[in-house]
């Protein structure tokens, strides 16, 4: 746990914010390079990245605060203290998807094609961002006796480093999505695969998380949303496959 990277006079650089910034610049550069190969303008990718970043953070924070109303009603100033962590992915995903969809439609660009291009870099950005969670000490796991358990400062026992688990899983997801990008697949396959496999990753990791409240039937809010997202992706895959078969009967 190393929440503060360094201080220069009154300036404090937080590890959480630094990793978010690193994720943004690295993934924007990589996505821009990929877009250039496909003949897309660099400013479109930069604008898309900024839109995804800020709308995602806003939506993720709003949902996180909504899920913990008691604490934030008593400590309203904490709502803007992003350096302390506290982002709910599905809130950020919903806000980012909506904002980016509106931007793409405004630019009269193909939604699925742009989504396929950006999806792997979103996963990579999450993988880098989770390192910030680890350094910040948020999103921690349940107590464990395993040798890879981590004892954070002030903690009485070792816990699962779920931030690192998530980072590694998202890195593998990035690699898998890049592999899918290299294939001649139907537009939208990479984008839908991102949401479907992320839902699986998050669902499994929630069993090891120690900071999320159980909602109903032993599942957390993120697990319930993950189930809905996974089912929606399967239905979308089936619908698109039937639509294609309908146009090209054998």
C-alpha atoms as a PDB file:
ATOM      1  CA  UNK A   1       0.000   0.000   0.000  1.00  0.00           C
ATOM      2  CA  UNK A   2       1.493   3.265  -1.151  1.00  0.00           C
ATOM      3  CA  UNK A   3      -1.327   5.802  -1.645  1.00  0.00           C
ATOM      4  CA  UNK A   4       0.996   8.799  -2.122  1.00  0.00           C
ATOM      5  CA  UNK A   5       3.730   8.516  -4.729  1.00  0.00           C
ATOM      6  CA  UNK A   6       5.513  11.730  -3.799  1.00  0.00           C
ATOM      7  CA  UNK A   7       5.084  15.338  -2.730  1.00  0.00           C
ATOM      8  CA  UNK A   8       6.625  18.457  -4.211  1.00  0.00           C
ATOM      9  CA  UNK A   9       5.829  21.369  -1.939  1.00  0.00           C
ATOM     10  CA  UNK A  10       2.032  21.710  -1.800  1.00  0.00           C
ATOM     11  CA  UNK A  11       1.608  19.280  -4.709  1.00  0.00           C
ATOM     12  CA  UNK A  12       0.668  15.721  -3.744  1.00  0.00           C
ATOM     13  CA  UNK A  13       0.727  13.020  -6.404  1.00  0.00           C
ATOM     14  CA  UNK A  14      -1.531  10.108  -5.471  1.00  0.00           C
ATOM     15  CA  UNK A  15      -0.786   6.631  -6.803  1.00  0.00           C
ATOM     16  CA  UNK A  16      -4.446   6.023  -7.653  1.00  0.00           C
ATOM     17  CA  UNK A  17      -4.683   9.115  -9.841  1.00  0.00           C
ATOM     18  CA  UNK A  18      -1.246   8.491 -11.326  1.00  0.00           C
ATOM     19  CA  UNK A  19      -2.205   5.009 -12.490  1.00  0.00           C
ATOM     20  CA  UNK A  20      -5.481   6.299 -13.964  1.00  0.00           C
ATOM     21  CA  UNK A  21      -3.492   8.924 -15.855  1.00  0.00           C
ATOM     22  CA  UNK A  22      -0.950   6.319 -17.003  1.00  0.00           C
ATOM     23  CA  UNK A  23      -3.762   4.050 -18.199  1.00  0.00           C
ATOM     24  CA  UNK A  24      -5.315   6.913 -20.143  1.00  0.00           C
ATOM     25  CA  UNK A  25      -2.142   7.959 -21.954  1.00  0.00           C
ATOM     26  CA  UNK A  26      -0.929   4.435 -22.710  1.00  0.00           C
ATOM     27  CA  UNK A  27      -4.277   3.188 -23.984  1.00  0.00           C
ATOM     28  CA  UNK A  28      -5.040   6.354 -25.943  1.00  0.00           C
ATOM     29  CA  UNK A  29      -1.673   6.060 -27.701  1.00  0.00           C
ATOM     30  CA  UNK A  30      -2.221   2.369 -28.508  1.00  0.00           C
ATOM     31  CA  UNK A  31      -5.799   2.923 -29.658  1.00  0.00           C
ATOM     32  CA  UNK A  32      -4.674   5.894 -31.744  1.00  0.00           C
ATOM     33  CA  UNK A  33      -2.023   3.756 -33.424  1.00  0.00           C
ATOM     34  CA  UNK A  34      -4.607   1.050 -34.200  1.00  0.00           C
ATOM     35  CA  UNK A  35      -7.056   3.657 -35.475  1.00  0.00           C
ATOM     36  CA  UNK A  36      -4.438   5.169 -37.769  1.00  0.00           C
ATOM     37  CA  UNK A  37      -3.976   1.777 -39.431  1.00  0.00           C
ATOM     38  CA  UNK A  38      -7.724   1.679 -40.073  1.00  0.00           C
ATOM     39  CA  UNK A  39      -7.721   5.210 -41.443  1.00  0.00           C
ATOM     40  CA  UNK A  40      -9.464   6.924 -38.522  1.00  0.00           C
ATOM     41  CA  UNK A  41      -8.510  10.442 -37.453  1.00  0.00           C
ATOM     42  CA  UNK A  42      -6.354  10.768 -34.341  1.00  0.00           C
ATOM     43  CA  UNK A  43      -8.549  13.516 -32.865  1.00  0.00           C
ATOM     44  CA  UNK A  44     -11.559  11.181 -32.937  1.00  0.00           C
ATOM     45  CA  UNK A  45      -9.720   8.658 -30.736  1.00  0.00           C
ATOM     46  CA  UNK A  46      -8.436  11.354 -28.379  1.00  0.00           C
ATOM     47  CA  UNK A  47     -11.927  12.813 -27.984  1.00  0.00           C
ATOM     48  CA  UNK A  48     -13.383   9.326 -27.493  1.00  0.00           C
ATOM     49  CA  UNK A  49     -10.772   8.488 -24.859  1.00  0.00           C
ATOM     50  CA  UNK A  50     -11.412  11.709 -22.943  1.00  0.00           C
ATOM     51  CA  UNK A  51     -15.148  11.139 -23.130  1.00  0.00           C
ATOM     52  CA  UNK A  52     -14.847   7.552 -21.878  1.00  0.00           C
ATOM     53  CA  UNK A  53     -12.464   8.604 -19.093  1.00  0.00           C
ATOM     54  CA  UNK A  54     -14.475  11.469 -17.633  1.00  0.00           C
ATOM     55  CA  UNK A  55     -17.964  10.061 -18.171  1.00  0.00           C
ATOM     56  CA  UNK A  56     -16.752   6.709 -16.816  1.00  0.00           C
ATOM     57  CA  UNK A  57     -15.299   8.244 -13.665  1.00  0.00           C
ATOM     58  CA  UNK A  58     -18.435  10.333 -13.148  1.00  0.00           C
ATOM     59  CA  UNK A  59     -20.810   7.402 -13.572  1.00  0.00           C
ATOM     60  CA  UNK A  60     -18.664   5.072 -11.475  1.00  0.00           C
ATOM     61  CA  UNK A  61     -18.485   7.583  -8.637  1.00  0.00           C
ATOM     62  CA  UNK A  62     -22.210   8.335  -8.720  1.00  0.00           C
ATOM     63  CA  UNK A  63     -23.108   4.651  -8.458  1.00  0.00           C
ATOM     64  CA  UNK A  64     -20.532   4.049  -5.706  1.00  0.00           C
ATOM     65  CA  UNK A  65     -21.953   6.921  -3.651  1.00  0.00           C
ATOM     66  CA  UNK A  66     -25.494   5.686  -4.336  1.00  0.00           C
ATOM     67  CA  UNK A  67     -24.578   2.247  -2.950  1.00  0.00           C
ATOM     68  CA  UNK A  68     -23.167   3.770   0.277  1.00  0.00           C
ATOM     69  CA  UNK A  69     -25.598   6.631   0.999  1.00  0.00           C
ATOM     70  CA  UNK A  70     -25.246   6.588   4.781  1.00  0.00           C
ATOM     71  CA  UNK A  71     -21.509   7.258   4.778  1.00  0.00           C
ATOM     72  CA  UNK A  72     -21.625  10.014   2.152  1.00  0.00           C
ATOM     73  CA  UNK A  73     -24.584  11.781   3.756  1.00  0.00           C
ATOM     74  CA  UNK A  74     -22.482  12.058   6.911  1.00  0.00           C
ATOM     75  CA  UNK A  75     -19.300  12.889   4.982  1.00  0.00           C
ATOM     76  CA  UNK A  76     -20.400  14.784   1.833  1.00  0.00           C
ATOM     77  CA  UNK A  77     -16.913  16.164   1.156  1.00  0.00           C
ATOM     78  CA  UNK A  78     -15.748  12.583   0.557  1.00  0.00           C
ATOM     79  CA  UNK A  79     -17.877  12.448  -2.590  1.00  0.00           C
ATOM     80  CA  UNK A  80     -15.216  14.388  -4.489  1.00  0.00           C
ATOM     81  CA  UNK A  81     -12.218  12.693  -2.814  1.00  0.00           C
ATOM     82  CA  UNK A  82     -11.417  10.348  -5.684  1.00  0.00           C
ATOM     83  CA  UNK A  83      -7.883   9.825  -4.376  1.00  0.00           C
ATOM     84  CA  UNK A  84      -9.426   7.693  -1.625  1.00  0.00           C
ATOM     85  CA  UNK A  85     -10.786   5.285  -4.221  1.00  0.00           C
ATOM     86  CA  UNK A  86     -14.403   4.276  -4.608  1.00  0.00           C
ATOM     87  CA  UNK A  87     -15.583   3.675  -8.178  1.00  0.00           C
ATOM     88  CA  UNK A  88     -18.313   1.220  -9.168  1.00  0.00           C
ATOM     89  CA  UNK A  89     -17.424  -0.199 -12.576  1.00  0.00           C
ATOM     90  CA  UNK A  90     -20.932  -0.827 -13.888  1.00  0.00           C
ATOM     91  CA  UNK A  91     -21.950   2.765 -13.200  1.00  0.00           C
ATOM     92  CA  UNK A  92     -18.914   3.957 -15.114  1.00  0.00           C
ATOM     93  CA  UNK A  93     -19.547   1.507 -17.939  1.00  0.00           C
ATOM     94  CA  UNK A  94     -23.150   2.653 -18.347  1.00  0.00           C
ATOM     95  CA  UNK A  95     -22.184   6.338 -18.406  1.00  0.00           C
ATOM     96  CA  UNK A  96     -19.221   5.789 -20.745  1.00  0.00           C
ATOM     97  CA  UNK A  97     -21.203   3.627 -23.180  1.00  0.00           C
ATOM     98  CA  UNK A  98     -24.025   6.160 -23.345  1.00  0.00           C
ATOM     99  CA  UNK A  99     -21.688   9.123 -23.810  1.00  0.00           C
ATOM    100  CA  UNK A 100     -19.561   7.366 -26.424  1.00  0.00           C
ATOM    101  CA  UNK A 101     -22.632   6.069 -28.276  1.00  0.00           C
ATOM    102  CA  UNK A 102     -24.014   9.599 -28.530  1.00  0.00           C
ATOM    103  CA  UNK A 103     -20.645  10.908 -29.725  1.00  0.00           C
ATOM    104  CA  UNK A 104     -20.258   8.169 -32.344  1.00  0.00           C
ATOM    105  CA  UNK A 105     -23.802   8.735 -33.623  1.00  0.00           C
ATOM    106  CA  UNK A 106     -23.155  12.483 -33.793  1.00  0.00           C
ATOM    107  CA  UNK A 107     -20.076  11.815 -35.902  1.00  0.00           C
ATOM    108  CA  UNK A 108     -22.080   9.366 -38.036  1.00  0.00           C
ATOM    109  CA  UNK A 109     -19.560   6.582 -37.392  1.00  0.00           C
ATOM    110  CA  UNK A 110     -20.278   2.818 -37.235  1.00  0.00           C
ATOM    111  CA  UNK A 111     -20.943   2.022 -33.564  1.00  0.00           C
ATOM    112  CA  UNK A 112     -19.904  -1.627 -33.523  1.00  0.00           C
ATOM    113  CA  UNK A 113     -16.754  -0.991 -35.551  1.00  0.00           C
ATOM    114  CA  UNK A 114     -15.581   1.729 -33.162  1.00  0.00           C
ATOM    115  CA  UNK A 115     -16.556  -0.404 -30.168  1.00  0.00           C
ATOM    116  CA  UNK A 116     -14.509  -3.313 -31.483  1.00  0.00           C
ATOM    117  CA  UNK A 117     -11.534  -1.007 -31.907  1.00  0.00           C
ATOM    118  CA  UNK A 118     -11.685   0.510 -28.416  1.00  0.00           C
ATOM    119  CA  UNK A 119     -12.784  -2.475 -26.284  1.00  0.00           C
ATOM    120  CA  UNK A 120      -9.353  -4.137 -25.844  1.00  0.00           C
ATOM    121  CA  UNK A 121      -7.787  -0.857 -24.726  1.00  0.00           C
ATOM    122  CA  UNK A 122     -10.558  -0.287 -22.206  1.00  0.00           C
ATOM    123  CA  UNK A 123      -9.664  -3.673 -20.682  1.00  0.00           C
ATOM    124  CA  UNK A 124      -5.975  -2.759 -20.662  1.00  0.00           C
ATOM    125  CA  UNK A 125      -6.768   0.569 -19.040  1.00  0.00           C
ATOM    126  CA  UNK A 126      -8.692  -1.229 -16.320  1.00  0.00           C
ATOM    127  CA  UNK A 127      -5.770  -3.598 -15.779  1.00  0.00           C
ATOM    128  CA  UNK A 128      -3.428  -0.649 -15.218  1.00  0.00           C
ATOM    129  CA  UNK A 129      -5.967   1.161 -13.073  1.00  0.00           C
ATOM    130  CA  UNK A 130      -6.325  -1.824 -10.748  1.00  0.00           C
ATOM    131  CA  UNK A 131      -2.661  -1.444  -9.851  1.00  0.00           C
ATOM    132  CA  UNK A 132      -3.655   1.975  -8.548  1.00  0.00           C
ATOM    133  CA  UNK A 133      -6.326   0.284  -6.423  1.00  0.00           C
ATOM    134  CA  UNK A 134      -3.650  -2.001  -4.953  1.00  0.00           C
ATOM    135  CA  UNK A 135      -1.338   0.906  -4.149  1.00  0.00           C
ATOM    136  CA  UNK A 136      -4.257   2.832  -2.676  1.00  0.00           C
ATOM    137  CA  UNK A 137      -5.447  -0.087  -0.555  1.00  0.00           C
ATOM    138  CA  UNK A 138      -9.028  -0.076  -1.839  1.00  0.00           C
ATOM    139  CA  UNK A 139     -10.965  -2.943  -3.456  1.00  0.00           C
ATOM    140  CA  UNK A 140      -9.236  -5.377  -1.086  1.00  0.00           C
ATOM    141  CA  UNK A 141     -10.036  -9.046  -0.614  1.00  0.00           C
ATOM    142  CA  UNK A 142     -11.171 -11.287   2.197  1.00  0.00           C
ATOM    143  CA  UNK A 143      -8.761 -12.622   4.839  1.00  0.00           C
ATOM    144  CA  UNK A 144      -6.594 -15.516   3.695  1.00  0.00           C
ATOM    145  CA  UNK A 145      -3.858 -17.804   5.034  1.00  0.00           C
ATOM    146  CA  UNK A 146      -2.381 -18.379   1.580  1.00  0.00           C
ATOM    147  CA  UNK A 147       1.224 -17.393   0.977  1.00  0.00           C
ATOM    148  CA  UNK A 148       0.213 -14.720  -1.545  1.00  0.00           C
ATOM    149  CA  UNK A 149      -1.929 -12.881   1.002  1.00  0.00           C
ATOM    150  CA  UNK A 150      -1.063  -9.219   1.564  1.00  0.00           C
ATOM    151  CA  UNK A 151      -1.087  -7.360   4.870  1.00  0.00           C
ATOM    152  CA  UNK A 152      -1.993  -3.729   4.313  1.00  0.00           C
ATOM    153  CA  UNK A 153      -0.828  -1.107   6.858  1.00  0.00           C
ATOM    154  CA  UNK A 154      -3.197  -1.010   9.808  1.00  0.00           C
ATOM    155  CA  UNK A 155      -4.729  -4.403   8.966  1.00  0.00           C
ATOM    156  CA  UNK A 156      -4.745  -7.261  11.476  1.00  0.00           C
ATOM    157  CA  UNK A 157      -4.448 -10.080   8.937  1.00  0.00           C
ATOM    158  CA  UNK A 158      -3.473 -10.905   5.376  1.00  0.00           C
ATOM    159  CA  UNK A 159      -6.098 -10.523   2.659  1.00  0.00           C
ATOM    160  CA  UNK A 160      -6.462 -11.639  -0.945  1.00  0.00           C
ATOM    161  CA  UNK A 161      -4.824  -9.084  -3.298  1.00  0.00           C
ATOM    162  CA  UNK A 162      -7.961  -9.004  -5.418  1.00  0.00           C
ATOM    163  CA  UNK A 163      -6.729  -5.863  -7.143  1.00  0.00           C
ATOM    164  CA  UNK A 164      -3.792  -7.837  -8.568  1.00  0.00           C
ATOM    165  CA  UNK A 165      -6.052 -10.786  -9.480  1.00  0.00           C
ATOM    166  CA  UNK A 166      -8.294  -8.372 -11.361  1.00  0.00           C
ATOM    167  CA  UNK A 167      -5.355  -6.676 -13.073  1.00  0.00           C
ATOM    168  CA  UNK A 168      -3.972  -9.998 -14.324  1.00  0.00           C
ATOM    169  CA  UNK A 169      -7.396 -11.221 -15.475  1.00  0.00           C
ATOM    170  CA  UNK A 170      -7.992  -7.982 -17.368  1.00  0.00           C
ATOM    171  CA  UNK A 171      -4.557  -8.215 -18.964  1.00  0.00           C
ATOM    172  CA  UNK A 172      -5.454 -11.684 -20.259  1.00  0.00           C
ATOM    173  CA  UNK A 173      -8.790 -10.284 -21.454  1.00  0.00           C
ATOM    174  CA  UNK A 174      -6.923  -7.566 -23.351  1.00  0.00           C
ATOM    175  CA  UNK A 175      -4.751 -10.195 -25.043  1.00  0.00           C
ATOM    176  CA  UNK A 176      -7.806 -12.306 -25.907  1.00  0.00           C
ATOM    177  CA  UNK A 177      -9.659  -9.326 -27.373  1.00  0.00           C
ATOM    178  CA  UNK A 178      -6.635  -8.328 -29.435  1.00  0.00           C
ATOM    179  CA  UNK A 179      -6.580 -11.883 -30.765  1.00  0.00           C
ATOM    180  CA  UNK A 180     -10.254 -11.591 -31.727  1.00  0.00           C
ATOM    181  CA  UNK A 181      -9.470  -8.284 -33.420  1.00  0.00           C
ATOM    182  CA  UNK A 182      -7.011 -10.079 -35.680  1.00  0.00           C
ATOM    183  CA  UNK A 183      -9.756 -12.377 -36.970  1.00  0.00           C
ATOM    184  CA  UNK A 184     -12.326 -11.567 -39.606  1.00  0.00           C
ATOM    185  CA  UNK A 185     -15.313 -11.608 -37.282  1.00  0.00           C
ATOM    186  CA  UNK A 186     -18.720  -9.997 -37.466  1.00  0.00           C
ATOM    187  CA  UNK A 187     -18.677  -6.388 -36.297  1.00  0.00           C
ATOM    188  CA  UNK A 188     -19.552  -6.089 -32.640  1.00  0.00           C
ATOM    189  CA  UNK A 189     -18.067  -9.461 -31.638  1.00  0.00           C
ATOM    190  CA  UNK A 190     -15.065  -7.950 -29.844  1.00  0.00           C
ATOM    191  CA  UNK A 191     -17.166  -5.346 -28.038  1.00  0.00           C
ATOM    192  CA  UNK A 192     -19.804  -7.827 -26.866  1.00  0.00           C
ATOM    193  CA  UNK A 193     -17.099 -10.316 -25.874  1.00  0.00           C
ATOM    194  CA  UNK A 194     -15.491  -7.662 -23.699  1.00  0.00           C
ATOM    195  CA  UNK A 195     -18.660  -7.095 -21.692  1.00  0.00           C
ATOM    196  CA  UNK A 196     -19.480 -10.806 -21.491  1.00  0.00           C
ATOM    197  CA  UNK A 197     -16.057 -11.922 -20.266  1.00  0.00           C
ATOM    198  CA  UNK A 198     -15.649  -8.972 -17.934  1.00  0.00           C
ATOM    199  CA  UNK A 199     -18.954  -9.938 -16.325  1.00  0.00           C
ATOM    200  CA  UNK A 200     -17.571 -13.447 -15.721  1.00  0.00           C
ATOM    201  CA  UNK A 201     -14.292 -12.116 -14.310  1.00  0.00           C
ATOM    202  CA  UNK A 202     -16.042  -9.702 -11.972  1.00  0.00           C
ATOM    203  CA  UNK A 203     -18.595 -12.293 -10.872  1.00  0.00           C
ATOM    204  CA  UNK A 204     -15.846 -14.729  -9.834  1.00  0.00           C
ATOM    205  CA  UNK A 205     -13.654 -12.135  -8.137  1.00  0.00           C
ATOM    206  CA  UNK A 206     -16.556 -10.829  -6.065  1.00  0.00           C
ATOM    207  CA  UNK A 207     -16.439 -14.051  -4.025  1.00  0.00           C
ATOM    208  CA  UNK A 208     -12.972 -13.002  -2.846  1.00  0.00           C
ATOM    209  CA  UNK A 209     -13.678  -9.293  -2.321  1.00  0.00           C
ATOM    210  CA  UNK A 210     -13.821  -8.150   1.278  1.00  0.00           C
ATOM    211  CA  UNK A 211     -15.190  -4.638   0.758  1.00  0.00           C
ATOM    212  CA  UNK A 212     -18.530  -5.351  -0.925  1.00  0.00           C
ATOM    213  CA  UNK A 213     -21.774  -5.903   0.935  1.00  0.00           C
ATOM    214  CA  UNK A 214     -23.799  -9.046   0.237  1.00  0.00           C
ATOM    215  CA  UNK A 215     -27.155  -8.070  -1.284  1.00  0.00           C
ATOM    216  CA  UNK A 216     -29.440 -11.080  -1.756  1.00  0.00           C
ATOM    217  CA  UNK A 217     -28.933 -14.860  -1.960  1.00  0.00           C
ATOM    218  CA  UNK A 218     -25.273 -14.516  -1.046  1.00  0.00           C
ATOM    219  CA  UNK A 219     -24.504 -12.353  -4.068  1.00  0.00           C
ATOM    220  CA  UNK A 220     -23.285  -8.761  -4.304  1.00  0.00           C
ATOM    221  CA  UNK A 221     -24.727  -5.947  -6.371  1.00  0.00           C
ATOM    222  CA  UNK A 222     -21.926  -6.331  -8.943  1.00  0.00           C
ATOM    223  CA  UNK A 223     -22.660 -10.044  -9.257  1.00  0.00           C
ATOM    224  CA  UNK A 224     -26.338  -9.405  -9.946  1.00  0.00           C
ATOM    225  CA  UNK A 225     -25.457  -6.815 -12.573  1.00  0.00           C
ATOM    226  CA  UNK A 226     -22.852  -9.197 -14.007  1.00  0.00           C
ATOM    227  CA  UNK A 227     -25.474 -11.913 -14.441  1.00  0.00           C
ATOM    228  CA  UNK A 228     -27.749  -9.477 -16.281  1.00  0.00           C
ATOM    229  CA  UNK A 229     -24.880  -8.288 -18.514  1.00  0.00           C
ATOM    230  CA  UNK A 230     -23.777 -11.855 -19.297  1.00  0.00           C
ATOM    231  CA  UNK A 231     -27.302 -12.967 -20.227  1.00  0.00           C
ATOM    232  CA  UNK A 232     -27.816  -9.818 -22.307  1.00  0.00           C
ATOM    233  CA  UNK A 233     -24.599 -10.523 -24.222  1.00  0.00           C
ATOM    234  CA  UNK A 234     -25.631 -14.137 -24.924  1.00  0.00           C
ATOM    235  CA  UNK A 235     -29.039 -12.978 -26.158  1.00  0.00           C
ATOM    236  CA  UNK A 236     -27.390 -10.341 -28.333  1.00  0.00           C
ATOM    237  CA  UNK A 237     -25.031 -12.933 -29.839  1.00  0.00           C
ATOM    238  CA  UNK A 238     -27.975 -15.265 -30.608  1.00  0.00           C
ATOM    239  CA  UNK A 239     -30.101 -12.466 -32.040  1.00  0.00           C
ATOM    240  CA  UNK A 240     -27.284 -11.255 -34.295  1.00  0.00           C
ATOM    241  CA  UNK A 241     -26.527 -14.821 -35.455  1.00  0.00           C
ATOM    242  CA  UNK A 242     -30.194 -15.466 -36.339  1.00  0.00           C
ATOM    243  CA  UNK A 243     -30.419 -12.130 -38.102  1.00  0.00           C
ATOM    244  CA  UNK A 244     -27.374 -13.015 -40.196  1.00  0.00           C
ATOM    245  CA  UNK A 245     -28.762 -16.482 -41.007  1.00  0.00           C
ATOM    246  CA  UNK A 246     -32.039 -14.916 -41.994  1.00  0.00           C
ATOM    247  CA  UNK A 247     -30.281 -12.747 -44.538  1.00  0.00           C
ATOM    248  CA  UNK A 248     -28.146 -15.595 -45.838  1.00  0.00           C
ATOM    249  CA  UNK A 249     -30.229 -18.779 -45.794  1.00  0.00           C
ATOM    250  CA  UNK A 250     -28.521 -22.034 -46.712  1.00  0.00           C
END
